N, C-alpha and C. Protein backbone atom coordinates (compact mmCIF):
# COMPACT_ATOMS: atom_id res chain seq x y z
N UNK A 1 -44.04 29.42 25.32
CA UNK A 1 -42.64 29.30 25.69
C UNK A 1 -41.97 30.64 25.37
N UNK A 2 -41.19 31.16 26.31
CA UNK A 2 -40.57 32.48 26.06
C UNK A 2 -39.46 32.36 25.03
N UNK A 3 -39.35 33.38 24.18
CA UNK A 3 -38.31 33.42 23.16
C UNK A 3 -37.02 33.91 23.76
N UNK A 4 -35.86 33.37 23.26
CA UNK A 4 -34.59 33.87 23.81
C UNK A 4 -34.38 35.32 23.38
N UNK A 5 -33.80 36.06 24.29
CA UNK A 5 -33.58 37.48 24.06
C UNK A 5 -32.14 37.67 23.60
N UNK A 6 -31.97 38.38 22.50
CA UNK A 6 -30.63 38.70 22.00
C UNK A 6 -30.11 39.88 22.80
N UNK A 7 -28.94 39.72 23.43
CA UNK A 7 -28.45 40.83 24.27
C UNK A 7 -28.05 42.04 23.45
N UNK A 8 -27.83 41.88 22.14
CA UNK A 8 -27.51 43.03 21.31
C UNK A 8 -26.01 43.21 21.18
N UNK A 9 -25.60 44.03 20.21
CA UNK A 9 -24.16 44.22 19.98
C UNK A 9 -23.48 45.01 21.08
N UNK A 10 -24.24 45.78 21.90
CA UNK A 10 -23.61 46.58 22.94
C UNK A 10 -23.02 45.71 24.03
N UNK A 11 -23.65 44.55 24.32
CA UNK A 11 -23.20 43.72 25.43
C UNK A 11 -22.20 42.66 24.99
N UNK A 12 -22.04 42.42 23.67
CA UNK A 12 -21.08 41.42 23.21
C UNK A 12 -19.70 42.05 23.11
N UNK A 13 -18.67 41.34 23.57
CA UNK A 13 -17.32 41.92 23.49
C UNK A 13 -16.85 41.92 22.04
N UNK A 14 -16.13 42.95 21.64
CA UNK A 14 -15.61 43.04 20.28
C UNK A 14 -14.28 42.31 20.19
N UNK A 15 -13.86 42.05 18.96
CA UNK A 15 -12.58 41.36 18.76
C UNK A 15 -11.41 42.24 19.14
N UNK A 16 -11.54 43.58 18.96
CA UNK A 16 -10.44 44.47 19.30
C UNK A 16 -10.24 44.55 20.81
N UNK A 17 -11.30 44.36 21.57
CA UNK A 17 -11.20 44.51 23.01
C UNK A 17 -10.59 43.29 23.68
N UNK A 18 -10.62 42.15 23.02
CA UNK A 18 -10.10 40.93 23.64
C UNK A 18 -8.58 40.90 23.55
N UNK A 19 -7.90 40.53 24.63
CA UNK A 19 -6.45 40.37 24.53
C UNK A 19 -6.12 39.06 23.82
N UNK A 20 -5.01 39.04 23.13
CA UNK A 20 -4.57 37.84 22.43
C UNK A 20 -4.11 36.82 23.47
N UNK A 21 -4.68 35.60 23.51
CA UNK A 21 -4.33 34.67 24.59
C UNK A 21 -2.88 34.16 24.47
N UNK A 22 -2.37 34.03 23.27
CA UNK A 22 -1.00 33.55 23.09
C UNK A 22 -0.18 34.64 22.43
N UNK A 23 1.06 34.81 22.88
CA UNK A 23 1.87 35.82 22.20
C UNK A 23 2.19 35.38 20.80
N UNK A 24 2.17 36.31 19.87
CA UNK A 24 2.45 36.02 18.48
C UNK A 24 3.94 36.02 18.20
N UNK A 25 4.33 35.72 16.96
CA UNK A 25 5.74 35.66 16.63
C UNK A 25 6.42 37.02 16.70
N UNK A 26 5.62 38.12 16.60
CA UNK A 26 6.27 39.43 16.65
C UNK A 26 6.67 39.82 18.06
N UNK A 27 6.08 39.19 19.09
CA UNK A 27 6.42 39.53 20.46
C UNK A 27 7.53 38.66 21.03
N UNK A 28 7.84 37.55 20.39
CA UNK A 28 8.89 36.67 20.90
C UNK A 28 10.24 37.11 20.36
N UNK A 29 11.29 36.97 21.16
CA UNK A 29 12.61 37.40 20.68
C UNK A 29 13.11 36.47 19.60
N UNK A 30 13.83 37.02 18.63
CA UNK A 30 14.37 36.26 17.51
C UNK A 30 15.69 35.63 17.91
N UNK A 31 15.96 34.43 17.39
CA UNK A 31 17.24 33.77 17.66
C UNK A 31 18.38 34.48 16.94
N UNK A 32 18.07 35.14 15.83
CA UNK A 32 19.11 35.84 15.08
C UNK A 32 19.58 37.08 15.81
N UNK A 33 18.75 37.66 16.65
CA UNK A 33 19.12 38.88 17.35
C UNK A 33 20.05 38.60 18.52
N UNK A 34 20.12 37.37 19.00
CA UNK A 34 20.97 37.04 20.15
C UNK A 34 22.41 36.89 19.70
N UNK A 35 23.34 37.38 20.48
CA UNK A 35 24.76 37.19 20.11
C UNK A 35 25.20 35.77 20.40
N UNK A 36 26.12 35.28 19.57
CA UNK A 36 26.67 33.94 19.77
C UNK A 36 27.74 34.02 20.84
N UNK A 37 27.62 33.28 21.97
CA UNK A 37 28.61 33.41 23.05
C UNK A 37 29.98 32.85 22.64
N UNK A 38 30.04 31.95 21.67
CA UNK A 38 31.32 31.36 21.27
C UNK A 38 32.05 32.19 20.22
N UNK A 39 31.36 33.15 19.62
CA UNK A 39 31.95 33.95 18.58
C UNK A 39 32.80 35.06 19.20
N UNK A 40 33.98 35.28 18.61
CA UNK A 40 34.86 36.34 19.12
C UNK A 40 34.22 37.69 18.81
N UNK A 41 34.41 38.65 19.70
CA UNK A 41 33.80 39.96 19.43
C UNK A 41 34.42 40.58 18.20
N UNK A 42 33.60 41.12 17.35
CA UNK A 42 34.07 41.71 16.10
C UNK A 42 34.63 43.10 16.38
N UNK A 43 35.64 43.49 15.58
CA UNK A 43 36.21 44.81 15.72
C UNK A 43 35.25 45.88 15.23
N UNK A 44 34.57 45.57 14.15
CA UNK A 44 33.58 46.49 13.61
C UNK A 44 32.23 45.78 13.62
N UNK A 45 31.45 46.01 14.65
CA UNK A 45 30.15 45.31 14.68
C UNK A 45 29.24 45.79 13.56
N UNK A 46 28.51 44.86 13.03
CA UNK A 46 27.56 45.17 11.96
C UNK A 46 26.35 45.86 12.55
N UNK A 47 25.79 46.79 11.81
CA UNK A 47 24.58 47.45 12.35
C UNK A 47 23.42 46.47 12.36
N UNK A 48 22.63 46.61 13.38
CA UNK A 48 21.48 45.72 13.52
C UNK A 48 20.40 46.14 12.53
N UNK A 49 19.71 45.15 11.94
CA UNK A 49 18.63 45.51 11.03
C UNK A 49 17.47 46.11 11.80
N UNK A 50 16.68 46.94 11.16
CA UNK A 50 15.54 47.54 11.87
C UNK A 50 14.54 46.46 12.26
N UNK A 51 13.85 46.65 13.36
CA UNK A 51 12.88 45.63 13.78
C UNK A 51 11.75 45.55 12.76
N UNK A 52 11.17 44.36 12.65
CA UNK A 52 10.06 44.21 11.69
C UNK A 52 8.85 44.99 12.14
N UNK A 53 8.05 45.38 11.16
CA UNK A 53 6.84 46.13 11.46
C UNK A 53 5.84 45.21 12.14
N UNK A 54 5.13 45.72 13.15
CA UNK A 54 4.13 44.87 13.82
C UNK A 54 2.99 44.54 12.86
N UNK A 55 2.51 43.33 13.01
CA UNK A 55 1.42 42.86 12.18
C UNK A 55 0.13 42.98 12.97
N UNK A 56 -0.86 43.53 12.35
CA UNK A 56 -2.15 43.71 13.01
C UNK A 56 -2.86 42.37 13.10
N UNK A 57 -3.37 42.06 14.30
CA UNK A 57 -4.09 40.81 14.49
C UNK A 57 -5.60 41.01 14.43
N UNK A 58 -6.05 42.27 14.48
CA UNK A 58 -7.49 42.53 14.43
C UNK A 58 -7.97 42.40 12.99
N UNK A 59 -9.21 42.03 12.86
CA UNK A 59 -9.81 41.89 11.54
C UNK A 59 -10.19 43.27 11.04
N UNK A 60 -9.65 43.63 9.86
CA UNK A 60 -9.95 44.94 9.29
C UNK A 60 -10.90 44.76 8.11
N UNK A 61 -11.76 45.70 7.87
CA UNK A 61 -12.61 45.60 6.68
C UNK A 61 -11.76 45.73 5.42
N UNK A 62 -12.29 45.25 4.34
CA UNK A 62 -11.55 45.21 3.08
C UNK A 62 -11.22 46.62 2.57
N UNK A 63 -12.03 47.64 2.92
CA UNK A 63 -11.78 48.98 2.42
C UNK A 63 -10.55 49.60 3.08
N UNK A 64 -10.32 49.31 4.36
CA UNK A 64 -9.21 49.95 5.07
C UNK A 64 -7.94 49.12 5.06
N UNK A 65 -8.02 47.88 4.65
CA UNK A 65 -6.82 47.03 4.65
C UNK A 65 -5.87 47.48 3.56
N UNK A 66 -4.59 47.59 3.90
CA UNK A 66 -3.59 48.00 2.93
C UNK A 66 -2.95 46.76 2.30
N UNK A 67 -2.80 46.73 1.00
CA UNK A 67 -2.15 45.56 0.39
C UNK A 67 -0.66 45.57 0.73
N UNK A 68 -0.13 44.41 0.94
CA UNK A 68 1.28 44.29 1.28
C UNK A 68 2.09 44.31 0.00
N UNK A 69 3.20 45.00 0.05
CA UNK A 69 4.09 45.07 -1.10
C UNK A 69 4.90 43.78 -1.18
N UNK A 70 5.21 43.30 -2.38
CA UNK A 70 6.02 42.08 -2.48
C UNK A 70 7.42 42.35 -1.96
N UNK A 71 8.07 41.33 -1.38
CA UNK A 71 9.42 41.54 -0.83
C UNK A 71 10.39 41.86 -1.96
N UNK A 72 11.33 42.73 -1.64
CA UNK A 72 12.32 43.12 -2.64
C UNK A 72 13.30 41.98 -2.86
N UNK A 73 13.51 41.67 -4.11
CA UNK A 73 14.43 40.58 -4.43
C UNK A 73 15.79 41.16 -4.76
N UNK A 74 16.82 40.42 -4.36
CA UNK A 74 18.17 40.86 -4.65
C UNK A 74 18.43 40.66 -6.14
N UNK A 75 19.13 41.59 -6.77
CA UNK A 75 19.40 41.40 -8.20
C UNK A 75 20.28 40.18 -8.41
N UNK A 76 19.93 39.41 -9.41
CA UNK A 76 20.71 38.19 -9.67
C UNK A 76 22.02 38.58 -10.35
N UNK A 77 23.09 38.13 -9.76
CA UNK A 77 24.42 38.42 -10.29
C UNK A 77 24.93 37.19 -11.03
N UNK A 78 25.67 37.40 -12.08
CA UNK A 78 26.25 36.23 -12.76
C UNK A 78 27.31 35.59 -11.85
N UNK A 79 27.47 34.28 -11.94
CA UNK A 79 28.46 33.63 -11.07
C UNK A 79 29.86 34.14 -11.38
N UNK A 80 30.68 34.23 -10.34
CA UNK A 80 32.02 34.75 -10.50
C UNK A 80 32.94 33.75 -11.19
N UNK A 81 32.65 32.48 -11.06
CA UNK A 81 33.46 31.43 -11.70
C UNK A 81 32.61 30.72 -12.74
N UNK A 82 33.26 30.16 -13.78
CA UNK A 82 32.46 29.40 -14.75
C UNK A 82 31.93 28.12 -14.12
N UNK A 83 30.73 27.74 -14.54
CA UNK A 83 30.12 26.52 -14.02
C UNK A 83 30.87 25.30 -14.56
N UNK A 84 31.02 24.25 -13.73
CA UNK A 84 31.71 23.05 -14.22
C UNK A 84 30.86 22.34 -15.25
N UNK A 85 31.52 21.61 -16.12
CA UNK A 85 30.82 20.84 -17.15
C UNK A 85 30.05 19.70 -16.50
N UNK A 86 28.86 19.35 -17.01
CA UNK A 86 28.12 18.24 -16.42
C UNK A 86 28.85 16.91 -16.62
N UNK A 87 28.59 15.98 -15.73
CA UNK A 87 29.24 14.68 -15.81
C UNK A 87 28.77 13.93 -17.04
N UNK A 88 29.68 13.22 -17.66
CA UNK A 88 29.36 12.43 -18.84
C UNK A 88 28.66 11.15 -18.42
N UNK A 89 27.67 10.69 -19.18
CA UNK A 89 26.99 9.44 -18.81
C UNK A 89 27.94 8.25 -18.94
N UNK A 90 27.78 7.31 -18.02
CA UNK A 90 28.61 6.13 -17.99
C UNK A 90 27.71 4.92 -18.22
N UNK A 91 28.12 4.03 -19.10
CA UNK A 91 27.35 2.82 -19.37
C UNK A 91 27.79 1.77 -18.36
N UNK A 92 26.84 1.30 -17.59
CA UNK A 92 27.11 0.28 -16.59
C UNK A 92 26.47 -1.00 -17.06
N UNK A 93 27.21 -2.08 -17.05
CA UNK A 93 26.65 -3.36 -17.48
C UNK A 93 25.69 -3.85 -16.41
N UNK A 94 24.52 -4.11 -16.83
CA UNK A 94 23.50 -4.53 -15.88
C UNK A 94 22.73 -5.72 -16.40
N UNK A 95 21.47 -5.76 -16.04
CA UNK A 95 20.62 -6.86 -16.45
C UNK A 95 20.08 -6.63 -17.85
N UNK A 96 19.94 -7.70 -18.58
CA UNK A 96 19.37 -7.60 -19.92
C UNK A 96 17.89 -7.27 -19.83
N UNK A 97 17.40 -6.53 -20.80
CA UNK A 97 15.97 -6.26 -20.87
C UNK A 97 15.28 -7.27 -21.77
N UNK A 98 16.02 -8.23 -22.21
CA UNK A 98 15.48 -9.29 -23.05
C UNK A 98 16.14 -10.60 -22.62
N UNK A 99 15.64 -11.70 -23.11
CA UNK A 99 16.17 -13.01 -22.75
C UNK A 99 16.72 -13.66 -24.01
N UNK A 100 17.86 -14.26 -23.89
CA UNK A 100 18.42 -14.95 -25.05
C UNK A 100 17.61 -16.21 -25.34
N UNK A 101 17.62 -16.63 -26.59
CA UNK A 101 16.77 -17.76 -26.99
C UNK A 101 17.16 -19.04 -26.27
N UNK A 102 18.44 -19.31 -26.15
CA UNK A 102 18.86 -20.56 -25.52
C UNK A 102 18.49 -20.55 -24.03
N UNK A 103 18.48 -19.38 -23.40
CA UNK A 103 18.06 -19.32 -21.99
C UNK A 103 16.57 -19.61 -21.86
N UNK A 104 15.79 -19.07 -22.78
CA UNK A 104 14.35 -19.35 -22.76
C UNK A 104 14.08 -20.84 -22.98
N UNK A 105 14.82 -21.47 -23.91
CA UNK A 105 14.63 -22.91 -24.16
C UNK A 105 15.02 -23.72 -22.92
N UNK A 106 16.11 -23.36 -22.27
CA UNK A 106 16.52 -24.08 -21.05
C UNK A 106 15.49 -23.93 -19.94
N UNK A 107 14.94 -22.73 -19.79
CA UNK A 107 13.91 -22.53 -18.75
C UNK A 107 12.67 -23.33 -19.08
N UNK A 108 12.23 -23.33 -20.35
CA UNK A 108 11.05 -24.10 -20.73
C UNK A 108 11.25 -25.59 -20.48
N UNK A 109 12.43 -26.11 -20.88
CA UNK A 109 12.71 -27.54 -20.66
C UNK A 109 12.78 -27.85 -19.18
N UNK A 110 13.41 -26.95 -18.40
CA UNK A 110 13.52 -27.18 -16.95
C UNK A 110 12.19 -27.20 -16.23
N UNK A 111 11.24 -26.42 -16.70
CA UNK A 111 9.92 -26.41 -16.05
C UNK A 111 9.02 -27.50 -16.63
N UNK A 112 9.17 -27.78 -17.92
CA UNK A 112 8.29 -28.76 -18.55
C UNK A 112 8.63 -30.20 -18.19
N UNK A 113 9.86 -30.51 -17.83
CA UNK A 113 10.19 -31.91 -17.45
C UNK A 113 9.38 -32.35 -16.22
N UNK A 114 9.34 -31.55 -15.12
CA UNK A 114 8.46 -31.96 -14.02
C UNK A 114 6.98 -31.97 -14.42
N UNK A 115 6.58 -31.05 -15.31
CA UNK A 115 5.18 -31.03 -15.75
C UNK A 115 4.83 -32.28 -16.53
N UNK A 116 5.76 -32.75 -17.36
CA UNK A 116 5.53 -34.00 -18.12
C UNK A 116 5.41 -35.17 -17.16
N UNK A 117 6.28 -35.22 -16.15
CA UNK A 117 6.21 -36.31 -15.17
C UNK A 117 4.89 -36.27 -14.39
N UNK A 118 4.46 -35.06 -14.03
CA UNK A 118 3.18 -34.94 -13.31
C UNK A 118 2.02 -35.36 -14.22
N UNK A 119 2.06 -34.96 -15.49
CA UNK A 119 1.01 -35.35 -16.43
C UNK A 119 0.93 -36.85 -16.61
N UNK A 120 2.08 -37.52 -16.74
CA UNK A 120 2.08 -38.98 -16.89
C UNK A 120 1.56 -39.64 -15.62
N UNK A 121 1.98 -39.11 -14.45
CA UNK A 121 1.53 -39.70 -13.17
C UNK A 121 0.02 -39.51 -13.00
N UNK A 122 -0.49 -38.34 -13.33
CA UNK A 122 -1.94 -38.11 -13.19
C UNK A 122 -2.74 -38.98 -14.16
N UNK A 123 -2.24 -39.17 -15.38
CA UNK A 123 -2.96 -40.03 -16.32
C UNK A 123 -2.93 -41.49 -15.84
N UNK A 124 -1.78 -41.93 -15.34
CA UNK A 124 -1.68 -43.30 -14.83
C UNK A 124 -2.63 -43.49 -13.65
N UNK A 125 -2.69 -42.49 -12.77
CA UNK A 125 -3.58 -42.56 -11.62
C UNK A 125 -5.04 -42.59 -12.08
N UNK A 126 -5.40 -41.75 -13.08
CA UNK A 126 -6.76 -41.72 -13.57
C UNK A 126 -7.14 -43.04 -14.26
N UNK A 127 -6.19 -43.63 -14.99
CA UNK A 127 -6.47 -44.85 -15.74
C UNK A 127 -6.72 -46.03 -14.80
N UNK A 128 -5.97 -46.12 -13.71
CA UNK A 128 -6.06 -47.28 -12.82
C UNK A 128 -6.93 -47.03 -11.58
N UNK A 129 -7.51 -45.85 -11.43
CA UNK A 129 -8.33 -45.57 -10.25
C UNK A 129 -9.72 -46.15 -10.44
N UNK A 130 -10.28 -46.80 -9.39
CA UNK A 130 -11.64 -47.32 -9.51
C UNK A 130 -12.66 -46.18 -9.55
N UNK A 131 -12.40 -45.10 -8.84
CA UNK A 131 -13.26 -43.91 -8.87
C UNK A 131 -12.46 -42.78 -9.51
N UNK A 132 -12.99 -42.20 -10.55
CA UNK A 132 -12.25 -41.21 -11.33
C UNK A 132 -12.30 -39.80 -10.72
N UNK A 133 -13.20 -39.55 -9.79
CA UNK A 133 -13.37 -38.20 -9.26
C UNK A 133 -12.11 -37.66 -8.58
N UNK A 134 -11.42 -38.41 -7.69
CA UNK A 134 -10.21 -37.85 -7.08
C UNK A 134 -9.11 -37.56 -8.10
N UNK A 135 -9.00 -38.37 -9.14
CA UNK A 135 -7.99 -38.13 -10.16
C UNK A 135 -8.29 -36.86 -10.95
N UNK A 136 -9.57 -36.66 -11.30
CA UNK A 136 -9.94 -35.45 -12.02
C UNK A 136 -9.76 -34.21 -11.13
N UNK A 137 -10.06 -34.34 -9.85
CA UNK A 137 -9.85 -33.23 -8.92
C UNK A 137 -8.35 -32.90 -8.80
N UNK A 138 -7.49 -33.92 -8.79
CA UNK A 138 -6.05 -33.68 -8.74
C UNK A 138 -5.57 -32.95 -10.00
N UNK A 139 -6.14 -33.27 -11.15
CA UNK A 139 -5.80 -32.57 -12.39
C UNK A 139 -6.24 -31.10 -12.29
N UNK A 140 -7.43 -30.86 -11.74
CA UNK A 140 -7.91 -29.50 -11.58
C UNK A 140 -7.00 -28.70 -10.65
N UNK A 141 -6.59 -29.31 -9.55
CA UNK A 141 -5.69 -28.63 -8.61
C UNK A 141 -4.36 -28.31 -9.29
N UNK A 142 -3.84 -29.24 -10.10
CA UNK A 142 -2.59 -29.01 -10.82
C UNK A 142 -2.71 -27.82 -11.76
N UNK A 143 -3.81 -27.72 -12.49
CA UNK A 143 -4.01 -26.62 -13.43
C UNK A 143 -4.15 -25.29 -12.69
N UNK A 144 -4.89 -25.28 -11.59
CA UNK A 144 -5.09 -24.04 -10.83
C UNK A 144 -3.77 -23.57 -10.22
N UNK A 145 -2.99 -24.48 -9.66
CA UNK A 145 -1.70 -24.11 -9.05
C UNK A 145 -0.75 -23.56 -10.11
N UNK A 146 -0.68 -24.19 -11.25
CA UNK A 146 0.20 -23.70 -12.33
C UNK A 146 -0.23 -22.32 -12.80
N UNK A 147 -1.53 -22.11 -12.98
CA UNK A 147 -2.01 -20.82 -13.47
C UNK A 147 -1.77 -19.71 -12.46
N UNK A 148 -2.08 -19.96 -11.17
CA UNK A 148 -1.87 -18.93 -10.16
C UNK A 148 -0.39 -18.61 -9.97
N UNK A 149 0.46 -19.64 -9.96
CA UNK A 149 1.89 -19.40 -9.81
C UNK A 149 2.43 -18.59 -11.00
N UNK A 150 1.94 -18.89 -12.20
CA UNK A 150 2.39 -18.15 -13.38
C UNK A 150 1.95 -16.69 -13.30
N UNK A 151 0.74 -16.43 -12.84
CA UNK A 151 0.26 -15.06 -12.74
C UNK A 151 0.99 -14.28 -11.66
N UNK A 152 1.30 -14.92 -10.55
CA UNK A 152 2.06 -14.25 -9.50
C UNK A 152 3.48 -13.92 -9.96
N UNK A 153 4.10 -14.85 -10.66
CA UNK A 153 5.45 -14.59 -11.16
C UNK A 153 5.46 -13.54 -12.25
N UNK A 154 4.37 -13.42 -13.00
CA UNK A 154 4.31 -12.42 -14.07
C UNK A 154 4.27 -11.00 -13.52
N UNK A 155 3.92 -10.83 -12.26
CA UNK A 155 3.86 -9.49 -11.67
C UNK A 155 5.23 -8.94 -11.29
N UNK A 156 6.25 -9.76 -11.31
CA UNK A 156 7.60 -9.29 -10.98
C UNK A 156 8.11 -8.46 -12.15
N UNK A 157 8.60 -7.25 -11.85
CA UNK A 157 9.04 -6.36 -12.91
C UNK A 157 10.55 -6.42 -13.08
N UNK A 158 10.99 -6.20 -14.30
CA UNK A 158 12.41 -6.06 -14.66
C UNK A 158 13.23 -7.31 -14.37
N UNK A 159 12.63 -8.48 -14.35
CA UNK A 159 13.35 -9.74 -14.17
C UNK A 159 12.93 -10.65 -15.31
N UNK A 160 13.77 -10.71 -16.32
CA UNK A 160 13.39 -11.47 -17.51
C UNK A 160 13.37 -12.97 -17.25
N UNK A 161 14.24 -13.46 -16.40
CA UNK A 161 14.26 -14.90 -16.12
C UNK A 161 12.98 -15.33 -15.39
N UNK A 162 12.52 -14.50 -14.47
CA UNK A 162 11.28 -14.83 -13.76
C UNK A 162 10.09 -14.79 -14.72
N UNK A 163 10.12 -13.88 -15.68
CA UNK A 163 9.06 -13.84 -16.69
C UNK A 163 9.07 -15.10 -17.54
N UNK A 164 10.26 -15.60 -17.86
CA UNK A 164 10.35 -16.84 -18.63
C UNK A 164 9.81 -18.02 -17.83
N UNK A 165 10.09 -18.06 -16.53
CA UNK A 165 9.53 -19.13 -15.68
C UNK A 165 8.01 -19.01 -15.64
N UNK A 166 7.49 -17.78 -15.61
CA UNK A 166 6.04 -17.59 -15.61
C UNK A 166 5.41 -18.13 -16.89
N UNK A 167 6.04 -17.86 -18.02
CA UNK A 167 5.52 -18.37 -19.30
C UNK A 167 5.57 -19.89 -19.31
N UNK A 168 6.67 -20.46 -18.81
CA UNK A 168 6.80 -21.92 -18.80
C UNK A 168 5.77 -22.56 -17.87
N UNK A 169 5.51 -21.92 -16.71
CA UNK A 169 4.50 -22.46 -15.79
C UNK A 169 3.10 -22.38 -16.39
N UNK A 170 2.83 -21.31 -17.12
CA UNK A 170 1.51 -21.18 -17.71
C UNK A 170 1.29 -22.22 -18.81
N UNK A 171 2.37 -22.65 -19.47
CA UNK A 171 2.26 -23.65 -20.53
C UNK A 171 2.48 -25.07 -20.02
N UNK A 172 2.80 -25.23 -18.73
CA UNK A 172 3.08 -26.58 -18.23
C UNK A 172 1.86 -27.51 -18.23
N UNK A 173 0.61 -27.06 -18.02
CA UNK A 173 -0.51 -27.99 -18.20
C UNK A 173 -0.60 -28.53 -19.62
N UNK A 174 -0.23 -27.71 -20.61
CA UNK A 174 -0.20 -28.20 -21.99
C UNK A 174 0.85 -29.30 -22.14
N UNK A 175 2.04 -29.11 -21.55
CA UNK A 175 3.09 -30.14 -21.62
C UNK A 175 2.63 -31.41 -20.92
N UNK A 176 1.93 -31.26 -19.79
CA UNK A 176 1.42 -32.44 -19.08
C UNK A 176 0.37 -33.16 -19.92
N UNK A 177 -0.49 -32.41 -20.60
CA UNK A 177 -1.52 -33.03 -21.45
C UNK A 177 -0.88 -33.75 -22.64
N UNK A 178 0.18 -33.19 -23.22
CA UNK A 178 0.87 -33.85 -24.33
C UNK A 178 1.49 -35.16 -23.86
N UNK A 179 2.08 -35.15 -22.66
CA UNK A 179 2.68 -36.38 -22.12
C UNK A 179 1.61 -37.43 -21.82
N UNK A 180 0.47 -36.98 -21.27
CA UNK A 180 -0.62 -37.93 -21.00
C UNK A 180 -1.19 -38.49 -22.30
N UNK A 181 -1.28 -37.66 -23.34
CA UNK A 181 -1.76 -38.14 -24.65
C UNK A 181 -0.78 -39.14 -25.25
N UNK A 182 0.51 -38.90 -25.07
CA UNK A 182 1.51 -39.85 -25.57
C UNK A 182 1.40 -41.18 -24.83
N UNK A 183 1.17 -41.14 -23.52
CA UNK A 183 1.01 -42.39 -22.76
C UNK A 183 -0.27 -43.11 -23.18
N UNK A 184 -1.34 -42.36 -23.40
CA UNK A 184 -2.59 -42.98 -23.87
C UNK A 184 -2.40 -43.62 -25.25
N UNK A 185 -1.67 -42.92 -26.13
CA UNK A 185 -1.39 -43.50 -27.45
C UNK A 185 -0.56 -44.76 -27.33
N UNK A 186 0.39 -44.78 -26.43
CA UNK A 186 1.21 -45.98 -26.25
C UNK A 186 0.37 -47.13 -25.72
N UNK A 187 -0.61 -46.83 -24.83
CA UNK A 187 -1.51 -47.88 -24.35
C UNK A 187 -2.44 -48.34 -25.47
N UNK A 188 -2.95 -47.40 -26.26
CA UNK A 188 -3.89 -47.75 -27.34
C UNK A 188 -3.23 -48.58 -28.43
N UNK A 189 -2.00 -48.30 -28.75
CA UNK A 189 -1.28 -49.03 -29.79
C UNK A 189 -0.58 -50.28 -29.23
N UNK A 190 -0.80 -50.55 -27.98
CA UNK A 190 -0.25 -51.72 -27.31
C UNK A 190 1.30 -51.73 -27.32
N UNK A 191 1.89 -50.54 -27.30
CA UNK A 191 3.33 -50.48 -27.13
C UNK A 191 3.70 -50.73 -25.68
N UNK A 192 2.77 -50.34 -24.76
CA UNK A 192 2.96 -50.56 -23.33
C UNK A 192 1.76 -51.38 -22.88
N UNK A 193 2.02 -52.45 -22.15
CA UNK A 193 0.91 -53.28 -21.66
C UNK A 193 0.42 -52.73 -20.34
N UNK A 194 -0.90 -52.78 -20.22
CA UNK A 194 -1.51 -52.25 -19.00
C UNK A 194 -1.27 -53.24 -17.93
C-alpha cells in the first residue's frame, strides 16, 4: 500500500498569508467616535483621542513578542465632599426564633387529641376484629404516616410553630399507645364492659 506523501512546508499556506475571514474590533467603527445627532454643537469641540494601536493577529514567537504595558491608572483623588454617615440599624419586630412554653403545650395538646382518638379507635378495632392482620396493618400505616409527616415538617426552616407541630406528630404514636393502654387497662379492670 502506498504511503501518503507529505507535501512539505513549501506547499502549505502560512498563517500570515491567510486573510482574516471576519473583521476584528480594530477595523469596525467605534460608537464613541460618532457624533450624537441630538446634541447641540459645542462652541469648543474637544480634541479627539488618538486612534488605538492596531493589534497583531498573527502568531509571533515568544522571543519577538513585546510585553504589553499595564494601563495607566488615574490618580485617586480624595472626595470633594465628606461621605455621609452610614444608616443606623433598625430593630424590626419579626418572628420569634424560639417558641413560648404555653404555645408548645397548646400545639402538643392539639395534635395529641386526634392521636389519642385514633389510638383508642385502632385498639377497639383490633380487640373486636376476628382477623387481627388488617388492624395491625392499620397501626403500621398510622405510625408511618405520622413519622413521614413529622420529618417533612421538620425540613421547614425558620418556622418555630411548624417545628412544634413536627415534634408533636413524631410523638403522636406514643400518645396513641398511651390511650390504647388506658383502654386496655379499663377493660382488664372491668371498668368498661366489653
